[in-house]
């Protein structure tokens, strides 16, 4: 059992506690979903269980956390790892070895496990997560989502009593996310491994959990069965959000809130028959970027194959595809960070290699998956305004306010939540106003409230420029994209209007669209709740 006994913790450099007066018990075999706005204390909660607090993060602590009756502060981290496996928000922070197989085996070797048992567990975890083809791959050649799967495999291989996961689906494609969550359910049901998971994508997780714990500014404001907590608390007001189908049901005043598509069809059938989608006119006239028959390989591993792509002014192009299909590599090619081995990239009519670095950054720039790459200064304000003129600093202030991080301007990136760091990274690149802004998984970390702020910002940004959004977050994609392109096996396989691509898709459809597809007489073009504004 994990116990929090009147527990509070404040980081050394912070003025307010990250957690305050936490009193609860988590029993063996529970599946717990931990939610809260960005900066509410979720990651601190996990760190307090796995021993990173107080063994690696300093600060003031009151009360204690116990695992099976033993205080974490008196528990050596090496011993805690026998009880608790952890998958961090940023997999790069926990991967140590050079190949996938060695990474999974490393912690098992560390505890002196017999070679034959190590081999068995490595085989099992490679198969469980469907990453056997990655076995001999070098870590640096993996995509962000593939690295996340490797981190999960490494944690599972020890057969921990409790598994802590900080946004485990944030970097993996929808099908892989469903497979992973089904695997976690199996580990929970069949092996009794306790699951404590932080996740912002409610539609994937709320119906799977036994228990929902809601944090707000370091305090527990809700704890209980998910459907009951969702009916009692205003999760939107808390910045957390609901599963999309639950939010739609609350809008129509449905008493028994649905958590799944199947439940939604029963609850919402008569309401959705009274709505339709407003017709959209999307004109794509001004071509500002293109990839012409480009090819690229990492050694013998071909990633991009004769790929062609056109980018237009004032569009938000969503780029989706399975993990490892080359989305990030394509972004690096478009921005000139990598050179195609064949073909040509042209931005604003000019070959990308002809740009000087500063000029190129004004034409096309990219926000990376890992926000820490962009945040190296003493404060967030310094990160965002680096090398800007006085006039540009005013623009930076406006962007930070639009993204909801102006109040954080004097804080160091290390003090911020993952979502806050991501929005700061977006601001640091958007302030240069590149003609094409590429965002690589920007919703990895931000809560529902911050995603809405990002969406609002992007809609304003494409009034002047263009955006390429690489994401596995189908709701954010549906809310913002004008066109969607599906990348597979190094090529753009499908590209078109978002409703043509996403509606009725088995992989990229939203919850509310899946409900609409199964009900006669309902507009099949519905994707997000904003589409419900026009009543017949």
Foldseek 3Di string as FASTA:
>chain_A
DKFFQLKWWCAPPDPATLAGGDGDDDDFLFAEEEEFFFSLNQVVVVCLQLLCVPPVTDTDMDGFMDDPRHTSVPAPNLRSLLAEFEQDLQLVVPQDDFALLCRLLVNVVVVPHDPVLSVVLSVVLCVLLVNVVRGGPTPVLFFRLSSLSSSVSSRCSSVHSEYEYEASCLAFFQVSLLSVVVSVLCCSVVVRRYYYYYHLQQLRPLVSGQWYWYGANNYTPDIGRSQVRVQPDDCVVRLRDHAQLQVLLVVVPQDRGDSALVVSLVRCQVPQLFFAFDDDDDDFDAWFKKWAQFWDADVVRTQAGGAIDTFGALFEEEEEEGTSNCPVVVLCCQLVVDPTPDTFIGGRRHTNVVDDNLRSLQAEDEQDPQLVVQFDDQWLLCSQCPPHDPVLSVVLCVLCVLLPCNVRGNHGLVSTWRLSSLSSSVNSSCSSLHQEYEYASSVSTGHNNSLVSVQVVQNVSSVGHYYYYYGSPLLSCVSHGQKYFYGGNNYGPDIDGCLVPAQPDPRRAGSVLSSQVPHPSGHNSDGGPVRRPGTD
